[in-house]
Amino acid sequence: MRSPSDVPSARRLSRPSKRFWISLGVVLLLVIIFSLRSLAVLWTDQMWFSQAGFGGVFTGILWTKVGLALVFGALFAVVMWVNLILADRFGARDL
């Protein structure tokens, strides 16, 4: 058991700098811009398919893409989880 003098003192977290907040704002702005563009393309495609009388085709394509993203995302998560378990089990103990 450690004595109280061996335990490192808790460091106080400093406030994020102005540069951090500016960078975060720029990143969020870019994410919003690219998301809006993607949503505009999606909405335009939906209107086109509906106007052509193929609204069901658009819905089928959309749900197929969503389903594939979920399936492969879950598969990736399982592979990563197994990899982390194996790395923890067989990794070096003392560094």
PDB file of N, CA and C in Angstrom:
ATOM      1  N   MET A   1       0.841  -1.170   0.000  1.00  0.00           N
ATOM      2  CA  MET A   1       0.000   0.000   0.000  1.00  0.00           C
ATOM      3  C   MET A   1       0.890   1.237   0.000  1.00  0.00           C
ATOM      4  N   ARG A   2       0.488   2.250  -0.720  1.00  0.00           N
ATOM      5  CA  ARG A   2       1.276   3.476  -0.829  1.00  0.00           C
ATOM      6  C   ARG A   2       1.047   4.383   0.372  1.00  0.00           C
ATOM      7  N   SER A   3       2.097   5.087   0.690  1.00  0.00           N
ATOM      8  CA  SER A   3       1.914   6.119   1.709  1.00  0.00           C
ATOM      9  C   SER A   3       1.388   7.375   1.005  1.00  0.00           C
ATOM     10  N   PRO A   4       0.723   8.257   1.727  1.00  0.00           N
ATOM     11  CA  PRO A   4       0.161   9.452   1.087  1.00  0.00           C
ATOM     12  C   PRO A   4       1.198  10.313   0.374  1.00  0.00           C
ATOM     13  N   SER A   5       2.437  10.275   0.801  1.00  0.00           N
ATOM     14  CA  SER A   5       3.454  11.090   0.130  1.00  0.00           C
ATOM     15  C   SER A   5       3.862  10.504  -1.223  1.00  0.00           C
ATOM     16  N   ASP A   6       3.612   9.198  -1.441  1.00  0.00           N
ATOM     17  CA  ASP A   6       3.948   8.561  -2.717  1.00  0.00           C
ATOM     18  C   ASP A   6       2.911   8.824  -3.806  1.00  0.00           C
ATOM     19  N   VAL A   7       1.721   9.199  -3.410  1.00  0.00           N
ATOM     20  CA  VAL A   7       0.649   9.410  -4.375  1.00  0.00           C
ATOM     21  C   VAL A   7       0.852  10.766  -5.044  1.00  0.00           C
ATOM     22  N   PRO A   8       0.882  10.785  -6.373  1.00  0.00           N
ATOM     23  CA  PRO A   8       1.068  12.069  -7.048  1.00  0.00           C
ATOM     24  C   PRO A   8      -0.128  12.986  -6.790  1.00  0.00           C
ATOM     25  N   SER A   9       0.164  14.264  -6.682  1.00  0.00           N
ATOM     26  CA  SER A   9      -0.916  15.215  -6.430  1.00  0.00           C
ATOM     27  C   SER A   9      -1.760  15.379  -7.689  1.00  0.00           C
ATOM     28  N   ALA A  10      -3.014  15.672  -7.475  1.00  0.00           N
ATOM     29  CA  ALA A  10      -3.931  15.847  -8.599  1.00  0.00           C
ATOM     30  C   ALA A  10      -3.601  17.138  -9.332  1.00  0.00           C
ATOM     31  N   ARG A  11      -3.470  17.026 -10.649  1.00  0.00           N
ATOM     32  CA  ARG A  11      -3.195  18.217 -11.446  1.00  0.00           C
ATOM     33  C   ARG A  11      -4.505  18.900 -11.775  1.00  0.00           C
ATOM     34  N   ARG A  12      -4.482  20.183 -11.703  1.00  0.00           N
ATOM     35  CA  ARG A  12      -5.663  20.943 -12.092  1.00  0.00           C
ATOM     36  C   ARG A  12      -5.648  21.086 -13.605  1.00  0.00           C
ATOM     37  N   LEU A  13      -6.795  20.883 -14.185  1.00  0.00           N
ATOM     38  CA  LEU A  13      -6.900  21.037 -15.628  1.00  0.00           C
ATOM     39  C   LEU A  13      -6.988  22.516 -15.965  1.00  0.00           C
ATOM     40  N   SER A  14      -6.179  22.915 -16.897  1.00  0.00           N
ATOM     41  CA  SER A  14      -6.209  24.318 -17.303  1.00  0.00           C
ATOM     42  C   SER A  14      -7.376  24.538 -18.267  1.00  0.00           C
ATOM     43  N   ARG A  15      -7.799  25.759 -18.359  1.00  0.00           N
ATOM     44  CA  ARG A  15      -8.880  26.092 -19.278  1.00  0.00           C
ATOM     45  C   ARG A  15      -8.369  25.995 -20.705  1.00  0.00           C
ATOM     46  N   PRO A  16      -9.227  25.552 -21.613  1.00  0.00           N
ATOM     47  CA  PRO A  16      -8.805  25.482 -23.016  1.00  0.00           C
ATOM     48  C   PRO A  16      -8.437  26.867 -23.545  1.00  0.00           C
ATOM     49  N   SER A  17      -7.444  26.883 -24.396  1.00  0.00           N
ATOM     50  CA  SER A  17      -6.957  28.153 -24.936  1.00  0.00           C
ATOM     51  C   SER A  17      -7.918  28.698 -25.995  1.00  0.00           C
ATOM     52  N   LYS A  18      -7.685  29.931 -26.380  1.00  0.00           N
ATOM     53  CA  LYS A  18      -8.497  30.568 -27.411  1.00  0.00           C
ATOM     54  C   LYS A  18      -8.326  29.843 -28.744  1.00  0.00           C
ATOM     55  N   ARG A  19      -7.114  29.376 -29.010  1.00  0.00           N
ATOM     56  CA  ARG A  19      -6.842  28.640 -30.247  1.00  0.00           C
ATOM     57  C   ARG A  19      -7.683  27.360 -30.314  1.00  0.00           C
ATOM     58  N   PHE A  20      -7.853  26.693 -29.178  1.00  0.00           N
ATOM     59  CA  PHE A  20      -8.671  25.481 -29.129  1.00  0.00           C
ATOM     60  C   PHE A  20     -10.108  25.793 -29.534  1.00  0.00           C
ATOM     61  N   TRP A  21     -10.681  26.856 -28.973  1.00  0.00           N
ATOM     62  CA  TRP A  21     -12.076  27.196 -29.262  1.00  0.00           C
ATOM     63  C   TRP A  21     -12.252  27.611 -30.718  1.00  0.00           C
ATOM     64  N   ILE A  22     -11.271  28.316 -31.270  1.00  0.00           N
ATOM     65  CA  ILE A  22     -11.353  28.708 -32.678  1.00  0.00           C
ATOM     66  C   ILE A  22     -11.275  27.470 -33.570  1.00  0.00           C
ATOM     67  N   SER A  23     -10.362  26.556 -33.260  1.00  0.00           N
ATOM     68  CA  SER A  23     -10.231  25.320 -34.040  1.00  0.00           C
ATOM     69  C   SER A  23     -11.504  24.489 -33.957  1.00  0.00           C
ATOM     70  N   LEU A  24     -12.065  24.385 -32.768  1.00  0.00           N
ATOM     71  CA  LEU A  24     -13.303  23.629 -32.593  1.00  0.00           C
ATOM     72  C   LEU A  24     -14.435  24.258 -33.399  1.00  0.00           C
ATOM     73  N   GLY A  25     -14.514  25.576 -33.395  1.00  0.00           N
ATOM     74  CA  GLY A  25     -15.542  26.269 -34.170  1.00  0.00           C
ATOM     75  C   GLY A  25     -15.400  26.031 -35.660  1.00  0.00           C
ATOM     76  N   VAL A  26     -14.164  26.062 -36.159  1.00  0.00           N
ATOM     77  CA  VAL A  26     -13.923  25.831 -37.585  1.00  0.00           C
ATOM     78  C   VAL A  26     -14.301  24.400 -37.963  1.00  0.00           C
ATOM     79  N   VAL A  27     -13.923  23.443 -37.140  1.00  0.00           N
ATOM     80  CA  VAL A  27     -14.250  22.038 -37.417  1.00  0.00           C
ATOM     81  C   VAL A  27     -15.764  21.838 -37.417  1.00  0.00           C
ATOM     82  N   LEU A  28     -16.449  22.390 -36.429  1.00  0.00           N
ATOM     83  CA  LEU A  28     -17.908  22.258 -36.382  1.00  0.00           C
ATOM     84  C   LEU A  28     -18.572  22.921 -37.584  1.00  0.00           C
ATOM     85  N   LEU A  29     -18.064  24.059 -37.993  1.00  0.00           N
ATOM     86  CA  LEU A  29     -18.613  24.742 -39.160  1.00  0.00           C
ATOM     87  C   LEU A  29     -18.438  23.894 -40.417  1.00  0.00           C
ATOM     88  N   LEU A  30     -17.271  23.273 -40.580  1.00  0.00           N
ATOM     89  CA  LEU A  30     -17.044  22.405 -41.739  1.00  0.00           C
ATOM     90  C   LEU A  30     -17.960  21.188 -41.717  1.00  0.00           C
ATOM     91  N   VAL A  31     -18.150  20.600 -40.545  1.00  0.00           N
ATOM     92  CA  VAL A  31     -19.051  19.448 -40.429  1.00  0.00           C
ATOM     93  C   VAL A  31     -20.467  19.848 -40.819  1.00  0.00           C
ATOM     94  N   ILE A  32     -20.914  20.999 -40.359  1.00  0.00           N
ATOM     95  CA  ILE A  32     -22.263  21.468 -40.695  1.00  0.00           C
ATOM     96  C   ILE A  32     -22.389  21.725 -42.195  1.00  0.00           C
ATOM     97  N   ILE A  33     -21.385  22.361 -42.786  1.00  0.00           N
ATOM     98  CA  ILE A  33     -21.438  22.658 -44.222  1.00  0.00           C
ATOM     99  C   ILE A  33     -21.514  21.373 -45.038  1.00  0.00           C
ATOM    100  N   PHE A  34     -20.656  20.396 -44.723  1.00  0.00           N
ATOM    101  CA  PHE A  34     -20.668  19.148 -45.483  1.00  0.00           C
ATOM    102  C   PHE A  34     -21.936  18.347 -45.224  1.00  0.00           C
ATOM    103  N   SER A  35     -22.480  18.411 -44.026  1.00  0.00           N
ATOM    104  CA  SER A  35     -23.729  17.716 -43.728  1.00  0.00           C
ATOM    105  C   SER A  35     -24.886  18.334 -44.505  1.00  0.00           C
ATOM    106  N   LEU A  36     -24.933  19.648 -44.567  1.00  0.00           N
ATOM    107  CA  LEU A  36     -26.006  20.311 -45.308  1.00  0.00           C
ATOM    108  C   LEU A  36     -25.941  19.974 -46.792  1.00  0.00           C
ATOM    109  N   ARG A  37     -24.734  19.895 -47.326  1.00  0.00           N
ATOM    110  CA  ARG A  37     -24.600  19.543 -48.737  1.00  0.00           C
ATOM    111  C   ARG A  37     -25.099  18.118 -48.980  1.00  0.00           C
ATOM    112  N   SER A  38     -24.738  17.201 -48.106  1.00  0.00           N
ATOM    113  CA  SER A  38     -25.185  15.818 -48.256  1.00  0.00           C
ATOM    114  C   SER A  38     -26.698  15.710 -48.127  1.00  0.00           C
ATOM    115  N   LEU A  39     -27.270  16.445 -47.188  1.00  0.00           N
ATOM    116  CA  LEU A  39     -28.723  16.424 -47.030  1.00  0.00           C
ATOM    117  C   LEU A  39     -29.425  17.023 -48.247  1.00  0.00           C
ATOM    118  N   ALA A  40     -28.836  18.056 -48.845  1.00  0.00           N
ATOM    119  CA  ALA A  40     -29.421  18.651 -50.048  1.00  0.00           C
ATOM    120  C   ALA A  40     -29.405  17.656 -51.207  1.00  0.00           C
ATOM    121  N   VAL A  41     -28.309  16.931 -51.357  1.00  0.00           N
ATOM    122  CA  VAL A  41     -28.218  15.916 -52.414  1.00  0.00           C
ATOM    123  C   VAL A  41     -29.235  14.808 -52.165  1.00  0.00           C
ATOM    124  N   LEU A  42     -29.357  14.383 -50.921  1.00  0.00           N
ATOM    125  CA  LEU A  42     -30.316  13.335 -50.570  1.00  0.00           C
ATOM    126  C   LEU A  42     -31.741  13.791 -50.876  1.00  0.00           C
ATOM    127  N   TRP A  43     -32.086  15.007 -50.495  1.00  0.00           N
ATOM    128  CA  TRP A  43     -33.430  15.537 -50.728  1.00  0.00           C
ATOM    129  C   TRP A  43     -33.709  15.683 -52.230  1.00  0.00           C
ATOM    130  N   THR A  44     -32.718  16.139 -52.985  1.00  0.00           N
ATOM    131  CA  THR A  44     -32.884  16.286 -54.430  1.00  0.00           C
ATOM    132  C   THR A  44     -33.113  14.929 -55.087  1.00  0.00           C
ATOM    133  N   ASP A  45     -32.352  13.927 -54.688  1.00  0.00           N
ATOM    134  CA  ASP A  45     -32.540  12.578 -55.227  1.00  0.00           C
ATOM    135  C   ASP A  45     -33.927  12.042 -54.891  1.00  0.00           C
ATOM    136  N   GLN A  46     -34.371  12.285 -53.664  1.00  0.00           N
ATOM    137  CA  GLN A  46     -35.695  11.816 -53.256  1.00  0.00           C
ATOM    138  C   GLN A  46     -36.782  12.475 -54.106  1.00  0.00           C
ATOM    139  N   MET A  47     -36.667  13.765 -54.337  1.00  0.00           N
ATOM    140  CA  MET A  47     -37.664  14.460 -55.163  1.00  0.00           C
ATOM    141  C   MET A  47     -37.639  13.949 -56.600  1.00  0.00           C
ATOM    142  N   TRP A  48     -36.446  13.691 -57.144  1.00  0.00           N
ATOM    143  CA  TRP A  48     -36.340  13.214 -58.515  1.00  0.00           C
ATOM    144  C   TRP A  48     -36.971  11.830 -58.659  1.00  0.00           C
ATOM    145  N   PHE A  49     -36.634  10.915 -57.743  1.00  0.00           N
ATOM    146  CA  PHE A  49     -37.201   9.569 -57.814  1.00  0.00           C
ATOM    147  C   PHE A  49     -38.719   9.610 -57.658  1.00  0.00           C
ATOM    148  N   SER A  50     -39.216  10.454 -56.752  1.00  0.00           N
ATOM    149  CA  SER A  50     -40.667  10.557 -56.564  1.00  0.00           C
ATOM    150  C   SER A  50     -41.342  11.117 -57.812  1.00  0.00           C
ATOM    151  N   GLN A  51     -40.751  12.121 -58.424  1.00  0.00           N
ATOM    152  CA  GLN A  51     -41.323  12.726 -59.628  1.00  0.00           C
ATOM    153  C   GLN A  51     -41.349  11.726 -60.780  1.00  0.00           C
ATOM    154  N   ALA A  52     -40.337  10.873 -60.848  1.00  0.00           N
ATOM    155  CA  ALA A  52     -40.269   9.879 -61.916  1.00  0.00           C
ATOM    156  C   ALA A  52     -41.150   8.669 -61.624  1.00  0.00           C
ATOM    157  N   GLY A  53     -41.765   8.635 -60.437  1.00  0.00           N
ATOM    158  CA  GLY A  53     -42.634   7.517 -60.092  1.00  0.00           C
ATOM    159  C   GLY A  53     -41.901   6.331 -59.490  1.00  0.00           C
ATOM    160  N   PHE A  54     -40.688   6.545 -59.034  1.00  0.00           N
ATOM    161  CA  PHE A  54     -39.888   5.472 -58.461  1.00  0.00           C
ATOM    162  C   PHE A  54     -39.499   5.765 -57.015  1.00  0.00           C
ATOM    163  N   GLY A  55     -40.424   6.328 -56.253  1.00  0.00           N
ATOM    164  CA  GLY A  55     -40.149   6.645 -54.848  1.00  0.00           C
ATOM    165  C   GLY A  55     -39.775   5.419 -54.042  1.00  0.00           C
ATOM    166  N   GLY A  56     -40.380   4.279 -54.367  1.00  0.00           N
ATOM    167  CA  GLY A  56     -40.060   3.034 -53.665  1.00  0.00           C
ATOM    168  C   GLY A  56     -38.635   2.576 -53.919  1.00  0.00           C
ATOM    169  N   VAL A  57     -38.138   2.830 -55.116  1.00  0.00           N
ATOM    170  CA  VAL A  57     -36.758   2.463 -55.442  1.00  0.00           C
ATOM    171  C   VAL A  57     -35.792   3.274 -54.582  1.00  0.00           C
ATOM    172  N   PHE A  58     -36.068   4.579 -54.478  1.00  0.00           N
ATOM    173  CA  PHE A  58     -35.208   5.431 -53.654  1.00  0.00           C
ATOM    174  C   PHE A  58     -35.215   4.965 -52.203  1.00  0.00           C
ATOM    175  N   THR A  59     -36.399   4.668 -51.682  1.00  0.00           N
ATOM    176  CA  THR A  59     -36.501   4.200 -50.298  1.00  0.00           C
ATOM    177  C   THR A  59     -35.749   2.890 -50.110  1.00  0.00           C
ATOM    178  N   GLY A  60     -35.865   1.994 -51.074  1.00  0.00           N
ATOM    179  CA  GLY A  60     -35.148   0.723 -50.989  1.00  0.00           C
ATOM    180  C   GLY A  60     -33.641   0.905 -50.998  1.00  0.00           C
ATOM    181  N   ILE A  61     -33.164   1.776 -51.871  1.00  0.00           N
ATOM    182  CA  ILE A  61     -31.726   2.049 -51.934  1.00  0.00           C
ATOM    183  C   ILE A  61     -31.245   2.664 -50.629  1.00  0.00           C
ATOM    184  N   LEU A  62     -32.007   3.632 -50.112  1.00  0.00           N
ATOM    185  CA  LEU A  62     -31.618   4.309 -48.874  1.00  0.00           C
ATOM    186  C   LEU A  62     -31.541   3.331 -47.709  1.00  0.00           C
ATOM    187  N   TRP A  63     -32.568   2.499 -47.534  1.00  0.00           N
ATOM    188  CA  TRP A  63     -32.573   1.556 -46.413  1.00  0.00           C
ATOM    189  C   TRP A  63     -31.518   0.466 -46.583  1.00  0.00           C
ATOM    190  N   THR A  64     -31.207   0.101 -47.826  1.00  0.00           N
ATOM    191  CA  THR A  64     -30.130  -0.860 -48.054  1.00  0.00           C
ATOM    192  C   THR A  64     -28.791  -0.276 -47.617  1.00  0.00           C
ATOM    193  N   LYS A  65     -28.549   0.988 -47.955  1.00  0.00           N
ATOM    194  CA  LYS A  65     -27.301   1.637 -47.544  1.00  0.00           C
ATOM    195  C   LYS A  65     -27.214   1.764 -46.028  1.00  0.00           C
ATOM    196  N   VAL A  66     -28.323   2.136 -45.397  1.00  0.00           N
ATOM    197  CA  VAL A  66     -28.340   2.257 -43.932  1.00  0.00           C
ATOM    198  C   VAL A  66     -28.093   0.894 -43.294  1.00  0.00           C
ATOM    199  N   GLY A  67     -28.753  -0.140 -43.808  1.00  0.00           N
ATOM    200  CA  GLY A  67     -28.569  -1.486 -43.266  1.00  0.00           C
ATOM    201  C   GLY A  67     -27.140  -1.986 -43.410  1.00  0.00           C
ATOM    202  N   LEU A  68     -26.554  -1.765 -44.581  1.00  0.00           N
ATOM    203  CA  LEU A  68     -25.168  -2.185 -44.787  1.00  0.00           C
ATOM    204  C   LEU A  68     -24.217  -1.437 -43.863  1.00  0.00           C
ATOM    205  N   ALA A  69     -24.457  -0.150 -43.665  1.00  0.00           N
ATOM    206  CA  ALA A  69     -23.608   0.627 -42.759  1.00  0.00           C
ATOM    207  C   ALA A  69     -23.708   0.081 -41.337  1.00  0.00           C
ATOM    208  N   LEU A  70     -24.907  -0.265 -40.902  1.00  0.00           N
ATOM    209  CA  LEU A  70     -25.081  -0.810 -39.553  1.00  0.00           C
ATOM    210  C   LEU A  70     -24.427  -2.183 -39.410  1.00  0.00           C
ATOM    211  N   VAL A  71     -24.617  -3.044 -40.404  1.00  0.00           N
ATOM    212  CA  VAL A  71     -24.044  -4.392 -40.336  1.00  0.00           C
ATOM    213  C   VAL A  71     -22.518  -4.334 -40.316  1.00  0.00           C
ATOM    214  N   PHE A  72     -21.935  -3.588 -41.233  1.00  0.00           N
ATOM    215  CA  PHE A  72     -20.476  -3.543 -41.282  1.00  0.00           C
ATOM    216  C   PHE A  72     -19.887  -2.726 -40.136  1.00  0.00           C
ATOM    217  N   GLY A  73     -20.622  -1.753 -39.635  1.00  0.00           N
ATOM    218  CA  GLY A  73     -20.183  -1.038 -38.437  1.00  0.00           C
ATOM    219  C   GLY A  73     -20.149  -1.956 -37.228  1.00  0.00           C
ATOM    220  N   ALA A  74     -21.185  -2.791 -37.088  1.00  0.00           N
ATOM    221  CA  ALA A  74     -21.217  -3.749 -35.984  1.00  0.00           C
ATOM    222  C   ALA A  74     -20.111  -4.792 -36.147  1.00  0.00           C
ATOM    223  N   LEU A  75     -19.890  -5.257 -37.370  1.00  0.00           N
ATOM    224  CA  LEU A  75     -18.820  -6.219 -37.623  1.00  0.00           C
ATOM    225  C   LEU A  75     -17.460  -5.621 -37.267  1.00  0.00           C
ATOM    226  N   PHE A  76     -17.232  -4.387 -37.650  1.00  0.00           N
ATOM    227  CA  PHE A  76     -15.989  -3.700 -37.314  1.00  0.00           C
ATOM    228  C   PHE A  76     -15.831  -3.580 -35.803  1.00  0.00           C
ATOM    229  N   ALA A  77     -16.914  -3.235 -35.106  1.00  0.00           N
ATOM    230  CA  ALA A  77     -16.853  -3.091 -33.650  1.00  0.00           C
ATOM    231  C   ALA A  77     -16.496  -4.419 -32.988  1.00  0.00           C
ATOM    232  N   VAL A  78     -17.059  -5.513 -33.475  1.00  0.00           N
ATOM    233  CA  VAL A  78     -16.755  -6.830 -32.904  1.00  0.00           C
ATOM    234  C   VAL A  78     -15.298  -7.197 -33.155  1.00  0.00           C
ATOM    235  N   VAL A  79     -14.816  -6.970 -34.372  1.00  0.00           N
ATOM    236  CA  VAL A  79     -13.418  -7.286 -34.684  1.00  0.00           C
ATOM    237  C   VAL A  79     -12.475  -6.456 -33.819  1.00  0.00           C
ATOM    238  N   MET A  80     -12.773  -5.183 -33.653  1.00  0.00           N
ATOM    239  CA  MET A  80     -11.928  -4.328 -32.807  1.00  0.00           C
ATOM    240  C   MET A  80     -11.969  -4.777 -31.352  1.00  0.00           C
ATOM    241  N   TRP A  81     -13.144  -5.146 -30.868  1.00  0.00           N
ATOM    242  CA  TRP A  81     -13.286  -5.599 -29.481  1.00  0.00           C
ATOM    243  C   TRP A  81     -12.465  -6.867 -29.253  1.00  0.00           C
ATOM    244  N   VAL A  82     -12.561  -7.829 -30.181  1.00  0.00           N
ATOM    245  CA  VAL A  82     -11.778  -9.064 -30.066  1.00  0.00           C
ATOM    246  C   VAL A  82     -10.290  -8.740 -30.121  1.00  0.00           C
ATOM    247  N   ASN A  83      -9.892  -7.832 -30.991  1.00  0.00           N
ATOM    248  CA  ASN A  83      -8.493  -7.438 -31.095  1.00  0.00           C
ATOM    249  C   ASN A  83      -7.996  -6.835 -29.782  1.00  0.00           C
ATOM    250  N   LEU A  84      -8.789  -5.980 -29.162  1.00  0.00           N
ATOM    251  CA  LEU A  84      -8.388  -5.381 -27.889  1.00  0.00           C
ATOM    252  C   LEU A  84      -8.292  -6.428 -26.783  1.00  0.00           C
ATOM    253  N   ILE A  85      -9.202  -7.382 -26.771  1.00  0.00           N
ATOM    254  CA  ILE A  85      -9.148  -8.462 -25.776  1.00  0.00           C
ATOM    255  C   ILE A  85      -7.866  -9.271 -25.963  1.00  0.00           C
ATOM    256  N   LEU A  86      -7.559  -9.631 -27.212  1.00  0.00           N
ATOM    257  CA  LEU A  86      -6.351 -10.413 -27.477  1.00  0.00           C
ATOM    258  C   LEU A  86      -5.089  -9.621 -27.156  1.00  0.00           C
ATOM    259  N   ALA A  87      -5.069  -8.342 -27.475  1.00  0.00           N
ATOM    260  CA  ALA A  87      -3.904  -7.519 -27.166  1.00  0.00           C
ATOM    261  C   ALA A  87      -3.712  -7.404 -25.660  1.00  0.00           C
ATOM    262  N   ASP A  88      -4.794  -7.302 -24.927  1.00  0.00           N
ATOM    263  CA  ASP A  88      -4.696  -7.222 -23.472  1.00  0.00           C
ATOM    264  C   ASP A  88      -4.214  -8.547 -22.886  1.00  0.00           C
ATOM    265  N   ARG A  89      -4.691  -9.635 -23.448  1.00  0.00           N
ATOM    266  CA  ARG A  89      -4.331 -10.943 -22.913  1.00  0.00           C
ATOM    267  C   ARG A  89      -2.889 -11.324 -23.229  1.00  0.00           C
ATOM    268  N   PHE A  90      -2.441 -11.060 -24.455  1.00  0.00           N
ATOM    269  CA  PHE A  90      -1.123 -11.525 -24.873  1.00  0.00           C
ATOM    270  C   PHE A  90      -0.065 -10.424 -24.902  1.00  0.00           C
ATOM    271  N   GLY A  91      -0.427  -9.217 -24.552  1.00  0.00           N
ATOM    272  CA  GLY A  91       0.516  -8.103 -24.590  1.00  0.00           C
ATOM    273  C   GLY A  91       1.511  -8.165 -23.444  1.00  0.00           C
ATOM    274  N   ALA A  92       2.541  -7.354 -23.560  1.00  0.00           N
ATOM    275  CA  ALA A  92       3.565  -7.284 -22.518  1.00  0.00           C
ATOM    276  C   ALA A  92       2.962  -6.700 -21.248  1.00  0.00           C
ATOM    277  N   ARG A  93       3.327  -7.282 -20.119  1.00  0.00           N
ATOM    278  CA  ARG A  93       2.787  -6.822 -18.839  1.00  0.00           C
ATOM    279  C   ARG A  93       3.611  -5.690 -18.244  1.00  0.00           C
ATOM    280  N   ASP A  94       4.926  -5.793 -18.294  1.00  0.00           N
ATOM    281  CA  ASP A  94       5.793  -4.794 -17.672  1.00  0.00           C
ATOM    282  C   ASP A  94       6.547  -4.035 -18.748  1.00  0.00           C
ATOM    283  N   LEU A  95       6.368  -2.760 -18.749  1.00  0.00           N
ATOM    284  CA  LEU A  95       7.106  -1.936 -19.705  1.00  0.00           C
ATOM    285  C   LEU A  95       8.014  -0.998 -18.967  1.00  0.00           C
TER     286      LEU A  95
END
